[in-house]
All heavy atoms as atom14 arrays in JSON, in Angstrom:
{
  "sequence": "ITESRKRLLPIPGRLGWAKALGAQAVGLGNLLPFGPSEPLMAME",
  "atom14_mask": [
    [1, 1, 1, 1, 1, 1, 1, 1, 0, 0, 0, 0, 0, 0],
    [1, 1, 1, 1, 1, 1, 1, 0, 0, 0, 0, 0, 0, 0],
    [1, 1, 1, 1, 1, 1, 1, 1, 1, 0, 0, 0, 0, 0],
    [1, 1, 1, 1, 1, 1, 0, 0, 0, 0, 0, 0, 0, 0],
    [1, 1, 1, 1, 1, 1, 1, 1, 1, 1, 1, 0, 0, 0],
    [1, 1, 1, 1, 1, 1, 1, 1, 1, 0, 0, 0, 0, 0],
    [1, 1, 1, 1, 1, 1, 1, 1, 1, 1, 1, 0, 0, 0],
    [1, 1, 1, 1, 1, 1, 1, 1, 0, 0, 0, 0, 0, 0],
    [1, 1, 1, 1, 1, 1, 1, 1, 0, 0, 0, 0, 0, 0],
    [1, 1, 1, 1, 1, 1, 1, 0, 0, 0, 0, 0, 0, 0],
    [1, 1, 1, 1, 1, 1, 1, 1, 0, 0, 0, 0, 0, 0],
    [1, 1, 1, 1, 1, 1, 1, 0, 0, 0, 0, 0, 0, 0],
    [1, 1, 1, 1, 0, 0, 0, 0, 0, 0, 0, 0, 0, 0],
    [1, 1, 1, 1, 1, 1, 1, 1, 1, 1, 1, 0, 0, 0],
    [1, 1, 1, 1, 1, 1, 1, 1, 0, 0, 0, 0, 0, 0],
    [1, 1, 1, 1, 0, 0, 0, 0, 0, 0, 0, 0, 0, 0],
    [1, 1, 1, 1, 1, 1, 1, 1, 1, 1, 1, 1, 1, 1],
    [1, 1, 1, 1, 1, 0, 0, 0, 0, 0, 0, 0, 0, 0],
    [1, 1, 1, 1, 1, 1, 1, 1, 1, 0, 0, 0, 0, 0],
    [1, 1, 1, 1, 1, 0, 0, 0, 0, 0, 0, 0, 0, 0],
    [1, 1, 1, 1, 1, 1, 1, 1, 0, 0, 0, 0, 0, 0],
    [1, 1, 1, 1, 0, 0, 0, 0, 0, 0, 0, 0, 0, 0],
    [1, 1, 1, 1, 1, 0, 0, 0, 0, 0, 0, 0, 0, 0],
    [1, 1, 1, 1, 1, 1, 1, 1, 1, 0, 0, 0, 0, 0],
    [1, 1, 1, 1, 1, 0, 0, 0, 0, 0, 0, 0, 0, 0],
    [1, 1, 1, 1, 1, 1, 1, 0, 0, 0, 0, 0, 0, 0],
    [1, 1, 1, 1, 0, 0, 0, 0, 0, 0, 0, 0, 0, 0],
    [1, 1, 1, 1, 1, 1, 1, 1, 0, 0, 0, 0, 0, 0],
    [1, 1, 1, 1, 0, 0, 0, 0, 0, 0, 0, 0, 0, 0],
    [1, 1, 1, 1, 1, 1, 1, 1, 0, 0, 0, 0, 0, 0],
    [1, 1, 1, 1, 1, 1, 1, 1, 0, 0, 0, 0, 0, 0],
    [1, 1, 1, 1, 1, 1, 1, 1, 0, 0, 0, 0, 0, 0],
    [1, 1, 1, 1, 1, 1, 1, 0, 0, 0, 0, 0, 0, 0],
    [1, 1, 1, 1, 1, 1, 1, 1, 1, 1, 1, 0, 0, 0],
    [1, 1, 1, 1, 0, 0, 0, 0, 0, 0, 0, 0, 0, 0],
    [1, 1, 1, 1, 1, 1, 1, 0, 0, 0, 0, 0, 0, 0],
    [1, 1, 1, 1, 1, 1, 0, 0, 0, 0, 0, 0, 0, 0],
    [1, 1, 1, 1, 1, 1, 1, 1, 1, 0, 0, 0, 0, 0],
    [1, 1, 1, 1, 1, 1, 1, 0, 0, 0, 0, 0, 0, 0],
    [1, 1, 1, 1, 1, 1, 1, 1, 0, 0, 0, 0, 0, 0],
    [1, 1, 1, 1, 1, 1, 1, 1, 0, 0, 0, 0, 0, 0],
    [1, 1, 1, 1, 1, 0, 0, 0, 0, 0, 0, 0, 0, 0],
    [1, 1, 1, 1, 1, 1, 1, 1, 0, 0, 0, 0, 0, 0],
    [1, 1, 1, 1, 1, 1, 1, 1, 1, 0, 0, 0, 0, 0]
  ],
  "atom14_positions": [
    [[-17.34, 12.2, -13.4], [-17.62, 12.5, -12.0], [-17.45, 14.0, -11.79], [-16.49, 14.6, -12.26], [-16.64, 11.72, -11.08], [-16.84, 10.22, -11.28], [-16.82, 12.1, -9.63], [-15.76, 9.38, -10.65], [0.0, 0.0, 0.0], [0.0, 0.0, 0.0], [0.0, 0.0, 0.0], [0.0, 0.0, 0.0], [0.0, 0.0, 0.0], [0.0, 0.0, 0.0]],
    [[-18.41, 14.59, -11.08], [-18.41, 16.05, -10.96], [-17.65, 16.56, -9.74], [-17.32, 17.74, -9.66], [-19.86, 16.56, -10.86], [-20.51, 15.92, -9.74], [-20.63, 16.26, -12.13], [0.0, 0.0, 0.0], [0.0, 0.0, 0.0], [0.0, 0.0, 0.0], [0.0, 0.0, 0.0], [0.0, 0.0, 0.0], [0.0, 0.0, 0.0], [0.0, 0.0, 0.0]],
    [[-17.35, 15.67, -8.77], [-16.66, 16.14, -7.57], [-15.23, 16.58, -7.9], [-14.68, 16.24, -8.95], [-16.64, 15.05, -6.51], [-15.78, 13.86, -6.86], [-15.66, 12.9, -5.68], [-16.67, 12.62, -5.03], [-14.53, 12.44, -5.44], [0.0, 0.0, 0.0], [0.0, 0.0, 0.0], [0.0, 0.0, 0.0], [0.0, 0.0, 0.0], [0.0, 0.0, 0.0]],
    [[-14.65, 17.34, -7.0], [-13.29, 17.82, -7.23], [-12.31, 16.66, -7.37], [-12.49, 15.61, -6.77], [-12.85, 18.71, -6.05], [-12.87, 17.96, -4.84], [0.0, 0.0, 0.0], [0.0, 0.0, 0.0], [0.0, 0.0, 0.0], [0.0, 0.0, 0.0], [0.0, 0.0, 0.0], [0.0, 0.0, 0.0], [0.0, 0.0, 0.0], [0.0, 0.0, 0.0]],
    [[-11.31, 16.88, -8.19], [-10.35, 15.82, -8.49], [-9.43, 15.56, -7.3], [-8.79, 16.5, -6.81], [-9.53, 16.19, -9.72], [-10.35, 16.46, -10.97], [-11.21, 15.27, -11.33], [-11.9, 15.48, -12.59], [-12.87, 14.7, -13.05], [-13.26, 13.67, -12.34], [-13.45, 14.94, -14.2], [0.0, 0.0, 0.0], [0.0, 0.0, 0.0], [0.0, 0.0, 0.0]],
    [[-9.35, 14.34, -6.88], [-8.48, 13.99, -5.76], [-7.01, 14.1, -6.18], [-6.65, 13.77, -7.3], [-8.78, 12.58, -5.28], [-9.99, 12.49, -4.38], [-10.04, 11.14, -3.7], [-11.16, 11.11, -2.67], [-12.46, 11.32, -3.29], [0.0, 0.0, 0.0], [0.0, 0.0, 0.0], [0.0, 0.0, 0.0], [0.0, 0.0, 0.0], [0.0, 0.0, 0.0]],
    [[-6.18, 14.51, -5.24], [-4.76, 14.61, -5.53], [-4.11, 13.24, -5.42], [-4.61, 12.33, -4.74], [-4.09, 15.59, -4.57], [-4.03, 15.12, -3.13], [-3.51, 16.23, -2.22], [-3.43, 15.8, -0.83], [-2.34, 15.34, -0.25], [-1.2, 15.25, -0.95], [-2.34, 14.97, 1.01], [0.0, 0.0, 0.0], [0.0, 0.0, 0.0], [0.0, 0.0, 0.0]],
    [[-2.99, 13.1, -6.09], [-2.21, 11.87, -6.03], [-1.12, 12.03, -4.98], [-0.57, 13.13, -4.81], [-1.58, 11.57, -7.39], [-2.43, 10.81, -8.42], [-3.72, 11.55, -8.76], [-1.62, 10.57, -9.68], [0.0, 0.0, 0.0], [0.0, 0.0, 0.0], [0.0, 0.0, 0.0], [0.0, 0.0, 0.0], [0.0, 0.0, 0.0], [0.0, 0.0, 0.0]],
    [[-0.8, 10.94, -4.29], [0.22, 11.0, -3.26], [1.2, 9.84, -3.42], [0.81, 8.68, -3.34], [-0.42, 10.92, -1.87], [0.56, 11.06, -0.69], [1.13, 12.47, -0.65], [-0.15, 10.73, 0.62], [0.0, 0.0, 0.0], [0.0, 0.0, 0.0], [0.0, 0.0, 0.0], [0.0, 0.0, 0.0], [0.0, 0.0, 0.0], [0.0, 0.0, 0.0]],
    [[2.48, 10.15, -3.67], [3.48, 9.07, -3.79], [3.86, 8.51, -2.42], [4.0, 9.26, -1.45], [4.67, 9.77, -4.45], [4.54, 11.2, -4.03], [3.06, 11.48, -3.91], [0.0, 0.0, 0.0], [0.0, 0.0, 0.0], [0.0, 0.0, 0.0], [0.0, 0.0, 0.0], [0.0, 0.0, 0.0], [0.0, 0.0, 0.0], [0.0, 0.0, 0.0]],
    [[4.02, 7.19, -2.35], [4.4, 6.51, -1.12], [5.63, 5.65, -1.43], [5.6, 4.86, -2.39], [3.26, 5.62, -0.6], [2.02, 6.46, -0.29], [3.7, 4.83, 0.63], [0.8, 5.64, 0.06], [0.0, 0.0, 0.0], [0.0, 0.0, 0.0], [0.0, 0.0, 0.0], [0.0, 0.0, 0.0], [0.0, 0.0, 0.0], [0.0, 0.0, 0.0]],
    [[6.7, 5.79, -0.68], [7.87, 4.93, -0.93], [7.48, 3.45, -0.86], [6.86, 3.0, 0.11], [8.83, 5.31, 0.2], [8.46, 6.72, 0.55], [6.96, 6.79, 0.38], [0.0, 0.0, 0.0], [0.0, 0.0, 0.0], [0.0, 0.0, 0.0], [0.0, 0.0, 0.0], [0.0, 0.0, 0.0], [0.0, 0.0, 0.0], [0.0, 0.0, 0.0]],
    [[7.83, 2.7, -1.89], [7.42, 1.31, -1.97], [7.94, 0.46, -0.82], [7.25, -0.43, -0.33], [0.0, 0.0, 0.0], [0.0, 0.0, 0.0], [0.0, 0.0, 0.0], [0.0, 0.0, 0.0], [0.0, 0.0, 0.0], [0.0, 0.0, 0.0], [0.0, 0.0, 0.0], [0.0, 0.0, 0.0], [0.0, 0.0, 0.0], [0.0, 0.0, 0.0]],
    [[9.16, 0.74, -0.38], [9.72, -0.03, 0.74], [8.94, 0.2, 2.02], [8.81, -0.7, 2.85], [11.19, 0.34, 0.94], [12.12, -0.22, -0.11], [12.26, -1.73, 0.05], [13.02, -2.34, -1.03], [13.26, -3.64, -1.13], [12.78, -4.46, -0.2], [13.95, -4.12, -2.14], [0.0, 0.0, 0.0], [0.0, 0.0, 0.0], [0.0, 0.0, 0.0]],
    [[8.4, 1.41, 2.19], [7.57, 1.7, 3.35], [6.27, 0.9, 3.27], [5.82, 0.32, 4.26], [7.27, 3.19, 3.42], [6.36, 3.66, 4.56], [6.99, 3.36, 5.91], [6.07, 5.16, 4.43], [0.0, 0.0, 0.0], [0.0, 0.0, 0.0], [0.0, 0.0, 0.0], [0.0, 0.0, 0.0], [0.0, 0.0, 0.0], [0.0, 0.0, 0.0]],
    [[5.67, 0.86, 2.08], [4.45, 0.07, 1.9], [4.69, -1.4, 2.13], [3.87, -2.1, 2.74], [0.0, 0.0, 0.0], [0.0, 0.0, 0.0], [0.0, 0.0, 0.0], [0.0, 0.0, 0.0], [0.0, 0.0, 0.0], [0.0, 0.0, 0.0], [0.0, 0.0, 0.0], [0.0, 0.0, 0.0], [0.0, 0.0, 0.0], [0.0, 0.0, 0.0]],
    [[5.83, -1.89, 1.64], [6.19, -3.3, 1.83], [6.33, -3.62, 3.31], [5.8, -4.63, 3.79], [7.5, -3.56, 1.08], [8.16, -4.87, 1.4], [7.79, -6.1, 0.97], [9.32, -5.06, 2.23], [8.65, -7.07, 1.46], [9.59, -6.44, 2.24], [10.14, -4.2, 2.95], [10.66, -6.98, 2.96], [11.21, -4.72, 3.65], [11.46, -6.1, 3.65]],
    [[7.04, -2.77, 4.06], [7.23, -3.01, 5.49], [5.91, -2.96, 6.24], [5.67, -3.77, 7.15], [8.21, -1.98, 6.05], [0.0, 0.0, 0.0], [0.0, 0.0, 0.0], [0.0, 0.0, 0.0], [0.0, 0.0, 0.0], [0.0, 0.0, 0.0], [0.0, 0.0, 0.0], [0.0, 0.0, 0.0], [0.0, 0.0, 0.0], [0.0, 0.0, 0.0]],
    [[5.06, -2.03, 5.87], [3.76, -1.9, 6.52], [2.91, -3.14, 6.27], [2.26, -3.66, 7.19], [3.04, -0.66, 6.01], [1.76, -0.33, 6.74], [1.2, 1.0, 6.29], [-0.06, 1.36, 7.07], [-0.61, 2.69, 6.65], [0.0, 0.0, 0.0], [0.0, 0.0, 0.0], [0.0, 0.0, 0.0], [0.0, 0.0, 0.0], [0.0, 0.0, 0.0]],
    [[2.93, -3.65, 5.05], [2.15, -4.85, 4.72], [2.69, -6.07, 5.44], [1.92, -6.91, 5.93], [2.17, -5.08, 3.21], [0.0, 0.0, 0.0], [0.0, 0.0, 0.0], [0.0, 0.0, 0.0], [0.0, 0.0, 0.0], [0.0, 0.0, 0.0], [0.0, 0.0, 0.0], [0.0, 0.0, 0.0], [0.0, 0.0, 0.0], [0.0, 0.0, 0.0]],
    [[4.02, -6.18, 5.53], [4.62, -7.3, 6.26], [4.23, -7.26, 7.73], [3.9, -8.28, 8.34], [6.14, -7.26, 6.13], [6.78, -7.94, 4.92], [8.3, -7.86, 5.06], [6.34, -9.39, 4.79], [0.0, 0.0, 0.0], [0.0, 0.0, 0.0], [0.0, 0.0, 0.0], [0.0, 0.0, 0.0], [0.0, 0.0, 0.0], [0.0, 0.0, 0.0]],
    [[4.3, -6.07, 8.32], [3.94, -5.92, 9.72], [2.49, -6.26, 9.99], [2.17, -6.97, 10.96], [0.0, 0.0, 0.0], [0.0, 0.0, 0.0], [0.0, 0.0, 0.0], [0.0, 0.0, 0.0], [0.0, 0.0, 0.0], [0.0, 0.0, 0.0], [0.0, 0.0, 0.0], [0.0, 0.0, 0.0], [0.0, 0.0, 0.0], [0.0, 0.0, 0.0]],
    [[1.61, -5.78, 9.12], [0.19, -6.08, 9.29], [-0.07, -7.58, 9.14], [-0.88, -8.16, 9.88], [-0.62, -5.29, 8.26], [0.0, 0.0, 0.0], [0.0, 0.0, 0.0], [0.0, 0.0, 0.0], [0.0, 0.0, 0.0], [0.0, 0.0, 0.0], [0.0, 0.0, 0.0], [0.0, 0.0, 0.0], [0.0, 0.0, 0.0], [0.0, 0.0, 0.0]],
    [[0.62, -8.2, 8.19], [0.47, -9.63, 7.98], [0.94, -10.43, 9.2], [0.33, -11.42, 9.59], [1.25, -10.04, 6.73], [0.96, -11.42, 6.19], [1.73, -11.67, 4.9], [2.94, -11.89, 4.89], [1.04, -11.61, 3.78], [0.0, 0.0, 0.0], [0.0, 0.0, 0.0], [0.0, 0.0, 0.0], [0.0, 0.0, 0.0], [0.0, 0.0, 0.0]],
    [[2.03, -9.97, 9.82], [2.61, -10.68, 10.96], [1.68, -10.72, 12.16], [1.71, -11.67, 12.95], [3.94, -10.04, 11.35], [0.0, 0.0, 0.0], [0.0, 0.0, 0.0], [0.0, 0.0, 0.0], [0.0, 0.0, 0.0], [0.0, 0.0, 0.0], [0.0, 0.0, 0.0], [0.0, 0.0, 0.0], [0.0, 0.0, 0.0], [0.0, 0.0, 0.0]],
    [[0.84, -9.69, 12.31], [-0.08, -9.65, 13.46], [-1.5, -10.02, 13.06], [-2.44, -9.8, 13.82], [-0.05, -8.26, 14.13], [1.33, -7.98, 14.7], [-0.48, -7.16, 13.16], [0.0, 0.0, 0.0], [0.0, 0.0, 0.0], [0.0, 0.0, 0.0], [0.0, 0.0, 0.0], [0.0, 0.0, 0.0], [0.0, 0.0, 0.0], [0.0, 0.0, 0.0]],
    [[-1.66, -10.6, 11.86], [-2.97, -11.08, 11.44], [-3.91, -10.0, 10.95], [-5.13, -10.23, 10.88], [0.0, 0.0, 0.0], [0.0, 0.0, 0.0], [0.0, 0.0, 0.0], [0.0, 0.0, 0.0], [0.0, 0.0, 0.0], [0.0, 0.0, 0.0], [0.0, 0.0, 0.0], [0.0, 0.0, 0.0], [0.0, 0.0, 0.0], [0.0, 0.0, 0.0]],
    [[-3.39, -8.82, 10.58], [-4.24, -7.72, 10.12], [-3.98, -7.37, 8.65], [-4.38, -6.3, 8.2], [-4.0, -6.49, 10.99], [-4.32, -6.65, 12.49], [-3.95, -5.38, 13.24], [-5.79, -6.99, 12.7], [0.0, 0.0, 0.0], [0.0, 0.0, 0.0], [0.0, 0.0, 0.0], [0.0, 0.0, 0.0], [0.0, 0.0, 0.0], [0.0, 0.0, 0.0]],
    [[-3.35, -8.27, 7.92], [-3.0, -7.98, 6.53], [-4.2, -7.68, 5.65], [-4.12, -6.87, 4.72], [0.0, 0.0, 0.0], [0.0, 0.0, 0.0], [0.0, 0.0, 0.0], [0.0, 0.0, 0.0], [0.0, 0.0, 0.0], [0.0, 0.0, 0.0], [0.0, 0.0, 0.0], [0.0, 0.0, 0.0], [0.0, 0.0, 0.0], [0.0, 0.0, 0.0]],
    [[-5.35, -8.29, 5.95], [-6.53, -8.08, 5.12], [-7.11, -6.68, 5.25], [-7.97, -6.28, 4.45], [-7.61, -9.11, 5.47], [-7.22, -10.51, 5.06], [-6.19, -10.71, 4.42], [-8.03, -11.49, 5.43], [0.0, 0.0, 0.0], [0.0, 0.0, 0.0], [0.0, 0.0, 0.0], [0.0, 0.0, 0.0], [0.0, 0.0, 0.0], [0.0, 0.0, 0.0]],
    [[-6.66, -5.92, 6.26], [-7.17, -4.56, 6.43], [-6.53, -3.58, 5.46], [-7.07, -2.49, 5.25], [-6.93, -4.1, 7.87], [-7.64, -4.9, 8.98], [-7.33, -4.31, 10.34], [-9.16, -4.93, 8.73], [0.0, 0.0, 0.0], [0.0, 0.0, 0.0], [0.0, 0.0, 0.0], [0.0, 0.0, 0.0], [0.0, 0.0, 0.0], [0.0, 0.0, 0.0]],
    [[-5.41, -3.95, 4.89], [-4.74, -3.08, 3.92], [-5.23, -3.41, 2.5], [-5.56, -4.57, 2.21], [-3.23, -3.27, 3.98], [-2.51, -2.78, 5.24], [-1.03, -3.13, 5.15], [-2.69, -1.29, 5.43], [0.0, 0.0, 0.0], [0.0, 0.0, 0.0], [0.0, 0.0, 0.0], [0.0, 0.0, 0.0], [0.0, 0.0, 0.0], [0.0, 0.0, 0.0]],
    [[-5.24, -2.42, 1.6], [-5.66, -2.69, 0.21], [-4.55, -3.31, -0.64], [-4.69, -3.43, -1.84], [-6.04, -1.3, -0.3], [-5.19, -0.37, 0.47], [-5.04, -0.98, 1.84], [0.0, 0.0, 0.0], [0.0, 0.0, 0.0], [0.0, 0.0, 0.0], [0.0, 0.0, 0.0], [0.0, 0.0, 0.0], [0.0, 0.0, 0.0], [0.0, 0.0, 0.0]],
    [[-3.43, -3.69, -0.03], [-2.31, -4.28, -0.77], [-1.56, -5.24, 0.14], [-1.63, -5.16, 1.37], [-1.36, -3.21, -1.31], [-0.8, -2.3, -0.24], [0.36, -2.64, 0.45], [-1.43, -1.11, 0.09], [0.89, -1.82, 1.44], [-0.92, -0.27, 1.09], [0.24, -0.64, 1.76], [0.0, 0.0, 0.0], [0.0, 0.0, 0.0], [0.0, 0.0, 0.0]],
    [[-0.85, -6.18, -0.48], [0.01, -7.1, 0.25], [1.46, -6.72, 0.09], [1.79, -5.73, -0.58], [0.0, 0.0, 0.0], [0.0, 0.0, 0.0], [0.0, 0.0, 0.0], [0.0, 0.0, 0.0], [0.0, 0.0, 0.0], [0.0, 0.0, 0.0], [0.0, 0.0, 0.0], [0.0, 0.0, 0.0], [0.0, 0.0, 0.0], [0.0, 0.0, 0.0]],
    [[2.39, -7.5, 0.65], [3.81, -7.16, 0.56], [4.37, -7.14, -0.85], [5.3, -6.38, -1.14], [4.48, -8.26, 1.4], [3.43, -8.75, 2.33], [2.15, -8.65, 1.56], [0.0, 0.0, 0.0], [0.0, 0.0, 0.0], [0.0, 0.0, 0.0], [0.0, 0.0, 0.0], [0.0, 0.0, 0.0], [0.0, 0.0, 0.0], [0.0, 0.0, 0.0]],
    [[3.84, -7.96, -1.75], [4.39, -8.03, -3.11], [4.05, -6.81, -3.95], [4.83, -6.39, -4.81], [3.9, -9.3, -3.83], [4.67, -10.42, -3.46], [0.0, 0.0, 0.0], [0.0, 0.0, 0.0], [0.0, 0.0, 0.0], [0.0, 0.0, 0.0], [0.0, 0.0, 0.0], [0.0, 0.0, 0.0], [0.0, 0.0, 0.0], [0.0, 0.0, 0.0]],
    [[2.87, -6.23, -3.74], [2.42, -5.17, -4.63], [3.27, -3.9, -4.6], [3.59, -3.34, -5.67], [0.94, -4.86, -4.34], [0.04, -5.97, -4.84], [-1.32, -6.0, -4.16], [-1.37, -6.26, -2.94], [-2.32, -5.77, -4.86], [0.0, 0.0, 0.0], [0.0, 0.0, 0.0], [0.0, 0.0, 0.0], [0.0, 0.0, 0.0], [0.0, 0.0, 0.0]],
    [[3.71, -3.42, -3.43], [4.62, -2.26, -3.47], [5.93, -2.56, -4.19], [6.47, -1.7, -4.9], [4.87, -1.97, -1.98], [3.69, -2.55, -1.27], [3.32, -3.77, -2.06], [0.0, 0.0, 0.0], [0.0, 0.0, 0.0], [0.0, 0.0, 0.0], [0.0, 0.0, 0.0], [0.0, 0.0, 0.0], [0.0, 0.0, 0.0], [0.0, 0.0, 0.0]],
    [[6.45, -3.77, -4.02], [7.71, -4.14, -4.68], [7.52, -4.17, -6.19], [8.39, -3.7, -6.95], [8.19, -5.5, -4.18], [8.49, -5.61, -2.68], [8.89, -7.04, -2.32], [9.58, -4.62, -2.27], [0.0, 0.0, 0.0], [0.0, 0.0, 0.0], [0.0, 0.0, 0.0], [0.0, 0.0, 0.0], [0.0, 0.0, 0.0], [0.0, 0.0, 0.0]],
    [[6.4, -4.72, -6.66], [6.15, -4.76, -8.1], [5.93, -3.38, -8.67], [6.38, -3.07, -9.78], [4.94, -5.65, -8.38], [5.18, -7.11, -8.1], [3.83, -8.17, -8.69], [2.54, -7.74, -7.54], [0.0, 0.0, 0.0], [0.0, 0.0, 0.0], [0.0, 0.0, 0.0], [0.0, 0.0, 0.0], [0.0, 0.0, 0.0], [0.0, 0.0, 0.0]],
    [[5.24, -2.53, -7.91], [4.92, -1.19, -8.4], [6.15, -0.31, -8.54], [6.14, 0.67, -9.28], [3.91, -0.52, -7.47], [0.0, 0.0, 0.0], [0.0, 0.0, 0.0], [0.0, 0.0, 0.0], [0.0, 0.0, 0.0], [0.0, 0.0, 0.0], [0.0, 0.0, 0.0], [0.0, 0.0, 0.0], [0.0, 0.0, 0.0], [0.0, 0.0, 0.0]],
    [[7.25, -0.66, -7.85], [8.48, 0.12, -7.98], [9.26, -0.24, -9.24], [10.14, 0.52, -9.66], [9.38, -0.12, -6.76], [8.87, 0.49, -5.48], [10.15, 0.47, -4.17], [10.32, -1.28, -3.86], [0.0, 0.0, 0.0], [0.0, 0.0, 0.0], [0.0, 0.0, 0.0], [0.0, 0.0, 0.0], [0.0, 0.0, 0.0], [0.0, 0.0, 0.0]],
    [[8.94, -1.37, -9.85], [9.67, -1.84, -11.03], [9.04, -1.34, -12.32], [7.81, -1.29, -12.45], [9.68, -3.37, -11.09], [10.46, -4.05, -10.01], [10.5, -5.56, -10.22], [9.91, -6.04, -11.2], [11.15, -6.24, -9.4], [0.0, 0.0, 0.0], [0.0, 0.0, 0.0], [0.0, 0.0, 0.0], [0.0, 0.0, 0.0], [0.0, 0.0, 0.0]]
  ]
}
């Protein structure tokens, strides 16, 4: 790919977990690219 290389950004896994749980609770979980389990697994 010739476009400029995108930077990487670390996100605290617990923050991602809480965000996914909140989205799931209000029926918007499918709008995120991850569920509550994935941030927890990615920290291990």
